[in-house]
Amino acid sequence: MNGLKFPQNQMAAAAPSSFLHPLTKPPSSSTTSTSTAAATRRSSIILTSVLLWTHTKPAAAFDLRLTVPDQSVEEAESEIQSHAQSLVRVKDLLEAESWREAQKLLRRSSALLKQDVYTMIQAKPSAERPRLRKLYSDLFNAVTRLDYAARDKDRIRVWESYRTILLSLNDIFSALFN
């Protein structure tokens, strides 16, 4: 230690007994209370993990509906028109500048339409899918831009995005129903 020397007996007096004898166990009050405490810790850990894993909210859980649609092509075809009309109906709320309500309707109707369109794309031949996926992407990117524009209350971007949605809907419907 940089030139400082301590006699061995002073080191022993300064150091606690656990440093001198590392293999000795600390004194325990009783074996029963230690095992009871360990069992309590284990059971509380198990209970906590069970509560955390079983009480997940649906919004926080992983949603596989887009990768494995739970609807048939016939169901999607029957509902796609009404969901698209619901998406177009957001115009009334945008004109009234009811931004929050417009966002809510936009999100609800676009989620349903997204599932319908995806189901129908999956039913198409694989050669047609890349073009349809591009149209799908264009449509729902425009929906996202409209959502952000409504959040920011930016009238110009709202109407640009709305027009893009109408054009994209027209394109994707003509491609799906040919």
C-alpha atoms as a PDB file:
ATOM      1  CA  MET A   1       0.000   0.000   0.000  1.00  0.00           C
ATOM      2  CA  ASN A   2       2.299   2.775  -1.215  1.00  0.00           C
ATOM      3  CA  GLY A   3       4.805   2.570   1.565  1.00  0.00           C
ATOM      4  CA  LEU A   4       2.343   2.351   4.454  1.00  0.00           C
ATOM      5  CA  LYS A   5       2.742  -0.733   6.573  1.00  0.00           C
ATOM      6  CA  PHE A   6       0.280  -1.935   9.133  1.00  0.00           C
ATOM      7  CA  PRO A   7       1.060  -4.560  11.645  1.00  0.00           C
ATOM      8  CA  GLN A   8      -0.953  -7.737  11.193  1.00  0.00           C
ATOM      9  CA  ASN A   9      -2.739  -7.465  14.529  1.00  0.00           C
ATOM     10  CA  GLN A  10      -3.974  -3.908  13.775  1.00  0.00           C
ATOM     11  CA  MET A  11      -5.440  -5.123  10.453  1.00  0.00           C
ATOM     12  CA  ALA A  12      -7.245  -7.904  12.289  1.00  0.00           C
ATOM     13  CA  ALA A  13      -8.683  -5.467  14.800  1.00  0.00           C
ATOM     14  CA  ALA A  14      -9.874  -3.074  12.060  1.00  0.00           C
ATOM     15  CA  ALA A  15     -11.412  -5.714   9.757  1.00  0.00           C
ATOM     16  CA  PRO A  16     -14.711  -7.399  10.545  1.00  0.00           C
ATOM     17  CA  SER A  17     -14.705 -11.099  11.212  1.00  0.00           C
ATOM     18  CA  SER A  18     -16.390 -11.922   7.893  1.00  0.00           C
ATOM     19  CA  PHE A  19     -13.317 -10.654   6.020  1.00  0.00           C
ATOM     20  CA  LEU A  20     -11.017 -12.897   7.982  1.00  0.00           C
ATOM     21  CA  HIS A  21     -13.087 -16.039   7.603  1.00  0.00           C
ATOM     22  CA  PRO A  22     -14.995 -15.891   4.291  1.00  0.00           C
ATOM     23  CA  LEU A  23     -16.324 -19.460   4.570  1.00  0.00           C
ATOM     24  CA  THR A  24     -18.145 -18.931   7.835  1.00  0.00           C
ATOM     25  CA  LYS A  25     -21.863 -18.238   7.705  1.00  0.00           C
ATOM     26  CA  PRO A  26     -23.419 -15.371   9.585  1.00  0.00           C
ATOM     27  CA  PRO A  27     -25.260 -16.443  12.690  1.00  0.00           C
ATOM     28  CA  SER A  28     -28.927 -17.215  12.046  1.00  0.00           C
ATOM     29  CA  SER A  29     -31.705 -16.720  14.530  1.00  0.00           C
ATOM     30  CA  SER A  30     -33.559 -19.832  13.474  1.00  0.00           C
ATOM     31  CA  THR A  31     -33.709 -22.112  10.471  1.00  0.00           C
ATOM     32  CA  THR A  32     -37.512 -22.103  10.445  1.00  0.00           C
ATOM     33  CA  SER A  33     -37.879 -18.332  10.074  1.00  0.00           C
ATOM     34  CA  THR A  34     -35.320 -18.291   7.239  1.00  0.00           C
ATOM     35  CA  SER A  35     -37.103 -21.015   5.292  1.00  0.00           C
ATOM     36  CA  THR A  36     -40.464 -19.340   5.930  1.00  0.00           C
ATOM     37  CA  ALA A  37     -39.144 -16.026   4.610  1.00  0.00           C
ATOM     38  CA  ALA A  38     -37.733 -17.735   1.510  1.00  0.00           C
ATOM     39  CA  ALA A  39     -41.043 -19.486   0.867  1.00  0.00           C
ATOM     40  CA  THR A  40     -42.912 -16.205   1.274  1.00  0.00           C
ATOM     41  CA  ARG A  41     -40.584 -14.480  -1.188  1.00  0.00           C
ATOM     42  CA  ARG A  42     -41.003 -17.289  -3.721  1.00  0.00           C
ATOM     43  CA  SER A  43     -44.786 -17.303  -3.434  1.00  0.00           C
ATOM     44  CA  SER A  44     -44.999 -13.508  -3.777  1.00  0.00           C
ATOM     45  CA  ILE A  45     -42.813 -13.640  -6.902  1.00  0.00           C
ATOM     46  CA  ILE A  46     -44.992 -16.375  -8.394  1.00  0.00           C
ATOM     47  CA  LEU A  47     -48.189 -14.507  -7.522  1.00  0.00           C
ATOM     48  CA  THR A  48     -46.868 -11.268  -9.019  1.00  0.00           C
ATOM     49  CA  SER A  49     -45.828 -12.973 -12.238  1.00  0.00           C
ATOM     50  CA  VAL A  50     -49.215 -14.700 -12.545  1.00  0.00           C
ATOM     51  CA  LEU A  51     -51.026 -11.396 -12.044  1.00  0.00           C
ATOM     52  CA  LEU A  52     -48.847  -9.620 -14.581  1.00  0.00           C
ATOM     53  CA  TRP A  53     -49.261 -12.276 -17.246  1.00  0.00           C
ATOM     54  CA  THR A  54     -52.978 -12.979 -16.847  1.00  0.00           C
ATOM     55  CA  HIS A  55     -54.286  -9.424 -16.572  1.00  0.00           C
ATOM     56  CA  THR A  56     -53.000  -7.934 -19.808  1.00  0.00           C
ATOM     57  CA  LYS A  57     -55.225  -5.432 -21.507  1.00  0.00           C
ATOM     58  CA  PRO A  58     -56.236  -6.289 -25.084  1.00  0.00           C
ATOM     59  CA  ALA A  59     -54.687  -3.062 -26.362  1.00  0.00           C
ATOM     60  CA  ALA A  60     -51.355  -3.946 -24.777  1.00  0.00           C
ATOM     61  CA  ALA A  61     -51.376  -7.523 -26.024  1.00  0.00           C
ATOM     62  CA  PHE A  62     -49.966  -8.543 -29.390  1.00  0.00           C
ATOM     63  CA  ASP A  63     -52.715  -8.381 -32.004  1.00  0.00           C
ATOM     64  CA  LEU A  64     -52.462 -10.947 -34.789  1.00  0.00           C
ATOM     65  CA  ARG A  65     -55.650 -10.022 -36.629  1.00  0.00           C
ATOM     66  CA  LEU A  66     -53.794  -8.383 -39.524  1.00  0.00           C
ATOM     67  CA  THR A  67     -51.507 -11.347 -40.068  1.00  0.00           C
ATOM     68  CA  VAL A  68     -54.188 -13.994 -39.621  1.00  0.00           C
ATOM     69  CA  PRO A  69     -57.543 -12.428 -40.452  1.00  0.00           C
ATOM     70  CA  ASP A  70     -60.447 -13.955 -38.598  1.00  0.00           C
ATOM     71  CA  GLN A  71     -62.940 -13.172 -41.334  1.00  0.00           C
ATOM     72  CA  SER A  72     -63.698 -14.787 -44.645  1.00  0.00           C
ATOM     73  CA  VAL A  73     -63.369 -13.102 -48.020  1.00  0.00           C
ATOM     74  CA  GLU A  74     -67.157 -13.081 -48.352  1.00  0.00           C
ATOM     75  CA  GLU A  75     -67.520 -11.257 -45.038  1.00  0.00           C
ATOM     76  CA  ALA A  76     -64.880  -8.739 -46.075  1.00  0.00           C
ATOM     77  CA  GLU A  77     -66.594  -8.135 -49.431  1.00  0.00           C
ATOM     78  CA  SER A  78     -69.950  -7.566 -47.757  1.00  0.00           C
ATOM     79  CA  GLU A  79     -68.581  -5.094 -45.197  1.00  0.00           C
ATOM     80  CA  ILE A  80     -65.918  -3.239 -47.158  1.00  0.00           C
ATOM     81  CA  GLN A  81     -68.347  -0.792 -48.803  1.00  0.00           C
ATOM     82  CA  SER A  82     -69.928   0.270 -45.509  1.00  0.00           C
ATOM     83  CA  HIS A  83     -66.532   0.691 -43.843  1.00  0.00           C
ATOM     84  CA  ALA A  84     -65.283   2.772 -46.763  1.00  0.00           C
ATOM     85  CA  GLN A  85     -68.422   4.936 -46.613  1.00  0.00           C
ATOM     86  CA  SER A  86     -67.840   5.405 -42.905  1.00  0.00           C
ATOM     87  CA  LEU A  87     -64.321   6.579 -43.678  1.00  0.00           C
ATOM     88  CA  VAL A  88     -65.622   9.033 -46.291  1.00  0.00           C
ATOM     89  CA  ARG A  89     -68.266  10.328 -43.838  1.00  0.00           C
ATOM     90  CA  VAL A  90     -65.516  11.876 -41.754  1.00  0.00           C
ATOM     91  CA  LYS A  91     -65.837  14.821 -44.166  1.00  0.00           C
ATOM     92  CA  ASP A  92     -68.815  16.227 -42.234  1.00  0.00           C
ATOM     93  CA  LEU A  93     -66.793  16.359 -39.030  1.00  0.00           C
ATOM     94  CA  LEU A  94     -63.832  17.904 -40.834  1.00  0.00           C
ATOM     95  CA  GLU A  95     -66.045  20.625 -42.311  1.00  0.00           C
ATOM     96  CA  ALA A  96     -67.412  21.365 -38.836  1.00  0.00           C
ATOM     97  CA  GLU A  97     -63.816  21.349 -37.553  1.00  0.00           C
ATOM     98  CA  SER A  98     -64.692  18.777 -34.895  1.00  0.00           C
ATOM     99  CA  TRP A  99     -61.135  17.509 -34.876  1.00  0.00           C
ATOM    100  CA  ARG A 100     -61.369  15.047 -31.974  1.00  0.00           C
ATOM    101  CA  GLU A 101     -64.568  13.433 -33.210  1.00  0.00           C
ATOM    102  CA  ALA A 102     -63.135  13.256 -36.720  1.00  0.00           C
ATOM    103  CA  GLN A 103     -60.055  11.475 -35.395  1.00  0.00           C
ATOM    104  CA  LYS A 104     -62.164   8.973 -33.454  1.00  0.00           C
ATOM    105  CA  LEU A 105     -64.365   8.153 -36.445  1.00  0.00           C
ATOM    106  CA  LEU A 106     -61.342   8.013 -38.727  1.00  0.00           C
ATOM    107  CA  ARG A 107     -59.509   5.555 -36.481  1.00  0.00           C
ATOM    108  CA  ARG A 108     -62.533   3.326 -35.942  1.00  0.00           C
ATOM    109  CA  SER A 109     -63.572   3.107 -39.587  1.00  0.00           C
ATOM    110  CA  SER A 110     -60.024   2.812 -40.930  1.00  0.00           C
ATOM    111  CA  ALA A 111     -59.244  -0.087 -38.588  1.00  0.00           C
ATOM    112  CA  LEU A 112     -62.228  -2.044 -39.872  1.00  0.00           C
ATOM    113  CA  LEU A 113     -61.514  -1.123 -43.481  1.00  0.00           C
ATOM    114  CA  LYS A 114     -57.873  -2.081 -43.055  1.00  0.00           C
ATOM    115  CA  GLN A 115     -58.831  -5.584 -41.978  1.00  0.00           C
ATOM    116  CA  ASP A 116     -61.306  -5.965 -44.850  1.00  0.00           C
ATOM    117  CA  VAL A 117     -58.842  -4.804 -47.495  1.00  0.00           C
ATOM    118  CA  TYR A 118     -56.073  -6.985 -46.101  1.00  0.00           C
ATOM    119  CA  THR A 119     -58.330 -10.053 -46.161  1.00  0.00           C
ATOM    120  CA  MET A 120     -59.234  -9.396 -49.763  1.00  0.00           C
ATOM    121  CA  ILE A 121     -55.599  -8.841 -50.778  1.00  0.00           C
ATOM    122  CA  GLN A 122     -54.633 -12.168 -49.231  1.00  0.00           C
ATOM    123  CA  ALA A 123     -57.316 -13.900 -51.305  1.00  0.00           C
ATOM    124  CA  LYS A 124     -55.912 -12.535 -54.577  1.00  0.00           C
ATOM    125  CA  PRO A 125     -53.299 -14.403 -56.659  1.00  0.00           C
ATOM    126  CA  SER A 126     -49.732 -13.793 -55.530  1.00  0.00           C
ATOM    127  CA  ALA A 127     -48.832 -11.978 -58.766  1.00  0.00           C
ATOM    128  CA  GLU A 128     -51.383  -9.225 -58.019  1.00  0.00           C
ATOM    129  CA  ARG A 129     -50.500  -8.735 -54.354  1.00  0.00           C
ATOM    130  CA  PRO A 130     -47.484  -6.393 -54.626  1.00  0.00           C
ATOM    131  CA  ARG A 131     -49.496  -3.785 -56.549  1.00  0.00           C
ATOM    132  CA  LEU A 132     -52.429  -4.150 -54.142  1.00  0.00           C
ATOM    133  CA  ARG A 133     -50.131  -3.835 -51.127  1.00  0.00           C
ATOM    134  CA  LYS A 134     -48.739  -0.609 -52.563  1.00  0.00           C
ATOM    135  CA  LEU A 135     -52.268   0.781 -52.947  1.00  0.00           C
ATOM    136  CA  TYR A 136     -53.080  -0.428 -49.426  1.00  0.00           C
ATOM    137  CA  SER A 137     -50.008   1.351 -48.102  1.00  0.00           C
ATOM    138  CA  ASP A 138     -50.864   4.575 -49.943  1.00  0.00           C
ATOM    139  CA  LEU A 139     -54.413   4.553 -48.591  1.00  0.00           C
ATOM    140  CA  PHE A 140     -53.540   3.993 -44.953  1.00  0.00           C
ATOM    141  CA  ASN A 141     -50.554   6.335 -45.009  1.00  0.00           C
ATOM    142  CA  ALA A 142     -52.985   9.030 -46.164  1.00  0.00           C
ATOM    143  CA  VAL A 143     -55.301   8.082 -43.288  1.00  0.00           C
ATOM    144  CA  THR A 144     -52.409   8.502 -40.855  1.00  0.00           C
ATOM    145  CA  ARG A 145     -51.491  11.871 -42.367  1.00  0.00           C
ATOM    146  CA  LEU A 146     -55.117  12.995 -42.033  1.00  0.00           C
ATOM    147  CA  ASP A 147     -55.125  11.890 -38.400  1.00  0.00           C
ATOM    148  CA  TYR A 148     -51.987  13.945 -37.683  1.00  0.00           C
ATOM    149  CA  ALA A 149     -53.309  16.942 -39.604  1.00  0.00           C
ATOM    150  CA  ALA A 150     -56.559  16.828 -37.611  1.00  0.00           C
ATOM    151  CA  ARG A 151     -54.563  16.604 -34.399  1.00  0.00           C
ATOM    152  CA  ASP A 152     -52.586  19.692 -35.439  1.00  0.00           C
ATOM    153  CA  LYS A 153     -55.772  21.406 -36.715  1.00  0.00           C
ATOM    154  CA  ASP A 154     -54.024  22.079 -40.023  1.00  0.00           C
ATOM    155  CA  ARG A 155     -56.871  22.675 -42.492  1.00  0.00           C
ATOM    156  CA  ILE A 156     -54.689  22.586 -45.617  1.00  0.00           C
ATOM    157  CA  ARG A 157     -53.098  19.238 -44.798  1.00  0.00           C
ATOM    158  CA  VAL A 158     -56.467  17.854 -43.683  1.00  0.00           C
ATOM    159  CA  TRP A 159     -58.056  18.497 -47.060  1.00  0.00           C
ATOM    160  CA  GLU A 160     -54.992  17.338 -49.015  1.00  0.00           C
ATOM    161  CA  SER A 161     -54.998  14.084 -47.060  1.00  0.00           C
ATOM    162  CA  TYR A 162     -58.747  13.684 -47.462  1.00  0.00           C
ATOM    163  CA  ARG A 163     -58.463  14.050 -51.254  1.00  0.00           C
ATOM    164  CA  THR A 164     -55.621  11.514 -51.261  1.00  0.00           C
ATOM    165  CA  ILE A 165     -57.814   9.085 -49.305  1.00  0.00           C
ATOM    166  CA  LEU A 166     -60.631   9.446 -51.842  1.00  0.00           C
ATOM    167  CA  LEU A 167     -58.257   8.827 -54.755  1.00  0.00           C
ATOM    168  CA  SER A 168     -56.633   5.880 -52.984  1.00  0.00           C
ATOM    169  CA  LEU A 169     -60.007   4.335 -52.175  1.00  0.00           C
ATOM    170  CA  ASN A 170     -60.995   4.644 -55.812  1.00  0.00           C
ATOM    171  CA  ASP A 171     -57.720   3.037 -56.951  1.00  0.00           C
ATOM    172  CA  ILE A 172     -57.820   0.146 -54.519  1.00  0.00           C
ATOM    173  CA  PHE A 173     -61.512  -0.617 -55.153  1.00  0.00           C
ATOM    174  CA  SER A 174     -60.995  -0.676 -58.900  1.00  0.00           C
ATOM    175  CA  ALA A 175     -58.035  -3.039 -58.416  1.00  0.00           C
ATOM    176  CA  LEU A 176     -59.846  -5.313 -55.955  1.00  0.00           C
ATOM    177  CA  PHE A 177     -63.124  -5.626 -57.830  1.00  0.00           C
ATOM    178  CA  ASN A 178     -61.821  -6.176 -61.373  1.00  0.00           C
END
